[in-house]
Amino acid sequence: MPRGSAPGERRGGRQKGTPNRPAPVRAFLDGAGVNPVERLIALAKRAESAGQIALAADIWSKLAALAYPRPQPATPPAITDPQDSL
């Protein structure tokens, strides 16, 4: 019995036209006038001023993950044969 799907056949996943899950959440937050990033910044500052450094560090690290992409692992240079350069 052949395995896999025929070309062009879909077997799973989201139905066509289904919105991404974050879209309704974003719409709700926008309608409520809430900006989660601004709230997190305010919470981090409040935690710092209250001496809750661990909580503030956790919030700042989560915000940094949103603002700055993760560095990609360095790829080693291709090893060339020393005899080729002669």
N, C-alpha and C. Protein backbone atom coordinates (compact mmCIF):
# COMPACT_ATOMS: atom_id res chain seq x y z
N MET A 1 0.85 -1.18 0.00
CA MET A 1 0.00 0.00 0.00
C MET A 1 0.90 1.24 0.00
N PRO A 2 0.70 2.18 -0.91
CA PRO A 2 1.54 3.37 -0.96
C PRO A 2 1.27 4.28 0.24
N ARG A 3 2.34 4.90 0.70
CA ARG A 3 2.23 5.81 1.83
C ARG A 3 2.37 7.24 1.35
N GLY A 4 1.87 8.17 2.16
CA GLY A 4 1.98 9.57 1.81
C GLY A 4 0.76 10.05 1.04
N SER A 5 0.79 11.29 0.67
CA SER A 5 -0.36 11.87 -0.02
C SER A 5 -0.05 12.06 -1.50
N ALA A 6 -1.09 12.08 -2.26
CA ALA A 6 -0.95 12.32 -3.69
C ALA A 6 -0.60 13.79 -3.92
N PRO A 7 0.03 14.11 -5.02
CA PRO A 7 0.35 15.52 -5.28
C PRO A 7 -0.90 16.40 -5.24
N GLY A 8 -0.84 17.45 -4.46
CA GLY A 8 -1.95 18.38 -4.34
C GLY A 8 -2.97 18.00 -3.28
N GLU A 9 -2.84 16.82 -2.69
CA GLU A 9 -3.79 16.38 -1.68
C GLU A 9 -3.40 16.93 -0.31
N ARG A 10 -4.41 17.41 0.41
CA ARG A 10 -4.17 17.91 1.77
C ARG A 10 -4.80 16.93 2.75
N ARG A 11 -4.04 16.61 3.80
CA ARG A 11 -4.56 15.65 4.77
C ARG A 11 -4.78 16.24 6.15
N GLY A 12 -4.28 17.37 6.44
CA GLY A 12 -4.44 17.90 7.78
C GLY A 12 -4.16 19.38 7.82
N GLY A 13 -4.08 19.89 9.02
CA GLY A 13 -3.80 21.31 9.19
C GLY A 13 -5.07 22.13 9.28
N ARG A 14 -4.88 23.41 9.27
CA ARG A 14 -6.00 24.35 9.37
C ARG A 14 -6.83 24.35 8.11
N GLN A 15 -8.10 24.57 8.28
CA GLN A 15 -8.97 24.72 7.12
C GLN A 15 -8.66 26.04 6.43
N LYS A 16 -8.85 26.10 5.16
CA LYS A 16 -8.58 27.31 4.40
C LYS A 16 -9.48 28.44 4.89
N GLY A 17 -8.88 29.61 5.15
CA GLY A 17 -9.63 30.77 5.59
C GLY A 17 -9.71 30.93 7.10
N THR A 18 -9.19 29.96 7.86
CA THR A 18 -9.21 30.07 9.32
C THR A 18 -8.13 31.06 9.75
N PRO A 19 -8.49 32.08 10.54
CA PRO A 19 -7.48 33.07 10.93
C PRO A 19 -6.50 32.49 11.95
N ASN A 20 -5.33 33.10 12.02
CA ASN A 20 -4.36 32.71 13.03
C ASN A 20 -4.94 32.98 14.41
N ARG A 21 -4.50 32.23 15.39
CA ARG A 21 -5.03 32.37 16.73
C ARG A 21 -4.76 33.75 17.34
N PRO A 22 -3.60 34.37 17.13
CA PRO A 22 -3.37 35.68 17.75
C PRO A 22 -4.25 36.81 17.20
N ALA A 23 -4.80 36.65 16.02
CA ALA A 23 -5.57 37.74 15.41
C ALA A 23 -6.75 38.19 16.27
N PRO A 24 -7.59 37.29 16.79
CA PRO A 24 -8.69 37.75 17.64
C PRO A 24 -8.21 38.36 18.96
N VAL A 25 -7.12 37.85 19.49
CA VAL A 25 -6.59 38.40 20.75
C VAL A 25 -6.09 39.82 20.52
N ARG A 26 -5.38 40.02 19.42
CA ARG A 26 -4.90 41.37 19.10
C ARG A 26 -6.07 42.33 18.89
N ALA A 27 -7.10 41.86 18.20
CA ALA A 27 -8.27 42.70 17.96
C ALA A 27 -8.94 43.07 19.29
N PHE A 28 -9.03 42.13 20.21
CA PHE A 28 -9.63 42.40 21.51
C PHE A 28 -8.80 43.42 22.29
N LEU A 29 -7.47 43.24 22.30
CA LEU A 29 -6.60 44.17 23.03
C LEU A 29 -6.64 45.57 22.42
N ASP A 30 -6.66 45.63 21.08
CA ASP A 30 -6.75 46.94 20.43
C ASP A 30 -8.07 47.63 20.77
N GLY A 31 -9.16 46.86 20.79
CA GLY A 31 -10.46 47.42 21.11
C GLY A 31 -10.55 47.90 22.54
N ALA A 32 -9.82 47.22 23.43
CA ALA A 32 -9.83 47.61 24.84
C ALA A 32 -8.81 48.72 25.13
N GLY A 33 -8.00 49.08 24.14
CA GLY A 33 -7.00 50.12 24.33
C GLY A 33 -5.84 49.68 25.19
N VAL A 34 -5.52 48.38 25.17
CA VAL A 34 -4.45 47.83 25.99
C VAL A 34 -3.26 47.52 25.12
N ASN A 35 -2.09 47.98 25.53
CA ASN A 35 -0.84 47.66 24.87
C ASN A 35 -0.03 46.79 25.83
N PRO A 36 0.08 45.47 25.58
CA PRO A 36 0.76 44.58 26.52
C PRO A 36 2.22 44.95 26.76
N VAL A 37 2.90 45.45 25.74
CA VAL A 37 4.31 45.80 25.91
C VAL A 37 4.45 46.97 26.88
N GLU A 38 3.60 47.98 26.73
CA GLU A 38 3.64 49.12 27.66
C GLU A 38 3.34 48.66 29.08
N ARG A 39 2.39 47.75 29.23
CA ARG A 39 2.06 47.24 30.57
C ARG A 39 3.22 46.47 31.17
N LEU A 40 3.89 45.66 30.35
CA LEU A 40 5.04 44.91 30.86
C LEU A 40 6.17 45.84 31.28
N ILE A 41 6.39 46.89 30.52
CA ILE A 41 7.43 47.86 30.89
C ILE A 41 7.09 48.50 32.22
N ALA A 42 5.83 48.91 32.40
CA ALA A 42 5.41 49.51 33.67
C ALA A 42 5.58 48.53 34.82
N LEU A 43 5.22 47.26 34.60
CA LEU A 43 5.39 46.25 35.66
C LEU A 43 6.85 46.03 36.01
N ALA A 44 7.72 46.00 35.00
CA ALA A 44 9.14 45.81 35.26
C ALA A 44 9.71 46.98 36.05
N LYS A 45 9.33 48.19 35.70
CA LYS A 45 9.82 49.36 36.44
C LYS A 45 9.31 49.35 37.88
N ARG A 46 8.05 48.97 38.06
CA ARG A 46 7.48 48.90 39.41
C ARG A 46 8.18 47.81 40.23
N ALA A 47 8.47 46.68 39.61
CA ALA A 47 9.16 45.60 40.31
C ALA A 47 10.57 46.03 40.71
N GLU A 48 11.25 46.76 39.83
CA GLU A 48 12.60 47.25 40.17
C GLU A 48 12.56 48.21 41.35
N SER A 49 11.61 49.13 41.33
CA SER A 49 11.54 50.12 42.41
C SER A 49 11.12 49.48 43.73
N ALA A 50 10.41 48.35 43.68
CA ALA A 50 10.00 47.65 44.89
C ALA A 50 11.07 46.67 45.36
N GLY A 51 12.17 46.57 44.63
CA GLY A 51 13.25 45.68 45.04
C GLY A 51 13.06 44.24 44.59
N GLN A 52 12.08 43.98 43.74
CA GLN A 52 11.86 42.62 43.24
C GLN A 52 12.67 42.43 41.96
N ILE A 53 13.96 42.26 42.15
CA ILE A 53 14.89 42.22 41.03
C ILE A 53 14.67 40.99 40.16
N ALA A 54 14.38 39.83 40.78
CA ALA A 54 14.18 38.61 39.99
C ALA A 54 12.97 38.76 39.07
N LEU A 55 11.89 39.32 39.57
CA LEU A 55 10.70 39.53 38.75
C LEU A 55 11.00 40.52 37.63
N ALA A 56 11.67 41.61 37.96
CA ALA A 56 12.01 42.62 36.95
C ALA A 56 12.90 42.02 35.87
N ALA A 57 13.89 41.22 36.28
CA ALA A 57 14.79 40.60 35.30
C ALA A 57 14.03 39.65 34.39
N ASP A 58 13.06 38.93 34.94
CA ASP A 58 12.26 38.01 34.13
C ASP A 58 11.44 38.79 33.09
N ILE A 59 10.84 39.88 33.51
CA ILE A 59 10.04 40.69 32.59
C ILE A 59 10.92 41.32 31.52
N TRP A 60 12.06 41.88 31.93
CA TRP A 60 12.95 42.51 30.95
C TRP A 60 13.46 41.48 29.94
N SER A 61 13.75 40.25 30.39
CA SER A 61 14.24 39.23 29.45
C SER A 61 13.15 38.86 28.45
N LYS A 62 11.91 38.81 28.90
CA LYS A 62 10.81 38.51 27.97
C LYS A 62 10.63 39.65 26.95
N LEU A 63 10.79 40.88 27.41
CA LEU A 63 10.69 42.01 26.48
C LEU A 63 11.87 42.03 25.51
N ALA A 64 13.05 41.67 25.99
CA ALA A 64 14.22 41.64 25.10
C ALA A 64 14.04 40.59 24.01
N ALA A 65 13.39 39.47 24.36
CA ALA A 65 13.15 38.44 23.35
C ALA A 65 12.23 38.95 22.25
N LEU A 66 11.33 39.86 22.58
CA LEU A 66 10.45 40.44 21.57
C LEU A 66 11.18 41.48 20.71
N ALA A 67 12.10 42.21 21.32
CA ALA A 67 12.74 43.32 20.63
C ALA A 67 13.95 42.92 19.81
N TYR A 68 14.69 41.91 20.27
CA TYR A 68 15.94 41.55 19.62
C TYR A 68 15.88 40.09 19.18
N PRO A 69 16.20 39.80 17.93
CA PRO A 69 16.17 38.40 17.46
C PRO A 69 17.29 37.60 18.10
N ARG A 70 17.07 36.30 18.20
CA ARG A 70 18.11 35.42 18.72
C ARG A 70 19.24 35.33 17.71
N PRO A 71 20.47 35.36 18.18
CA PRO A 71 21.58 35.21 17.24
C PRO A 71 21.61 33.78 16.69
N GLN A 72 21.92 33.67 15.44
CA GLN A 72 22.02 32.36 14.81
C GLN A 72 23.35 31.73 15.18
N PRO A 73 23.41 30.42 15.27
CA PRO A 73 24.68 29.78 15.59
C PRO A 73 25.70 30.05 14.49
N ALA A 74 26.91 30.25 14.91
CA ALA A 74 27.98 30.53 13.95
C ALA A 74 28.28 29.27 13.15
N THR A 75 28.43 29.46 11.87
CA THR A 75 28.80 28.32 11.03
C THR A 75 30.31 28.35 10.83
N PRO A 76 30.95 27.23 11.05
CA PRO A 76 32.41 27.23 10.88
C PRO A 76 32.77 27.43 9.41
N PRO A 77 33.91 28.05 9.15
CA PRO A 77 34.31 28.24 7.75
C PRO A 77 34.57 26.89 7.09
N ALA A 78 34.38 26.86 5.81
CA ALA A 78 34.61 25.62 5.07
C ALA A 78 36.09 25.27 5.13
N ILE A 79 36.35 24.01 5.39
CA ILE A 79 37.74 23.55 5.45
C ILE A 79 38.18 23.24 4.03
N THR A 80 39.24 23.89 3.65
CA THR A 80 39.78 23.66 2.31
C THR A 80 41.07 22.87 2.42
N ASP A 81 41.38 22.18 1.41
CA ASP A 81 42.60 21.41 1.38
C ASP A 81 43.77 22.37 1.16
N PRO A 82 44.79 22.34 2.04
CA PRO A 82 45.92 23.27 1.85
C PRO A 82 46.64 23.06 0.54
N GLN A 83 46.53 21.89 -0.04
CA GLN A 83 47.19 21.62 -1.31
C GLN A 83 46.52 22.35 -2.47
N ASP A 84 45.23 22.72 -2.30
CA ASP A 84 44.53 23.42 -3.37
C ASP A 84 45.04 24.84 -3.58
N SER A 85 45.60 25.45 -2.54
CA SER A 85 46.02 26.84 -2.66
C SER A 85 47.41 26.97 -3.28
N LEU A 86 48.07 25.87 -3.50
CA LEU A 86 49.42 25.93 -4.09
C LEU A 86 49.40 26.05 -5.57
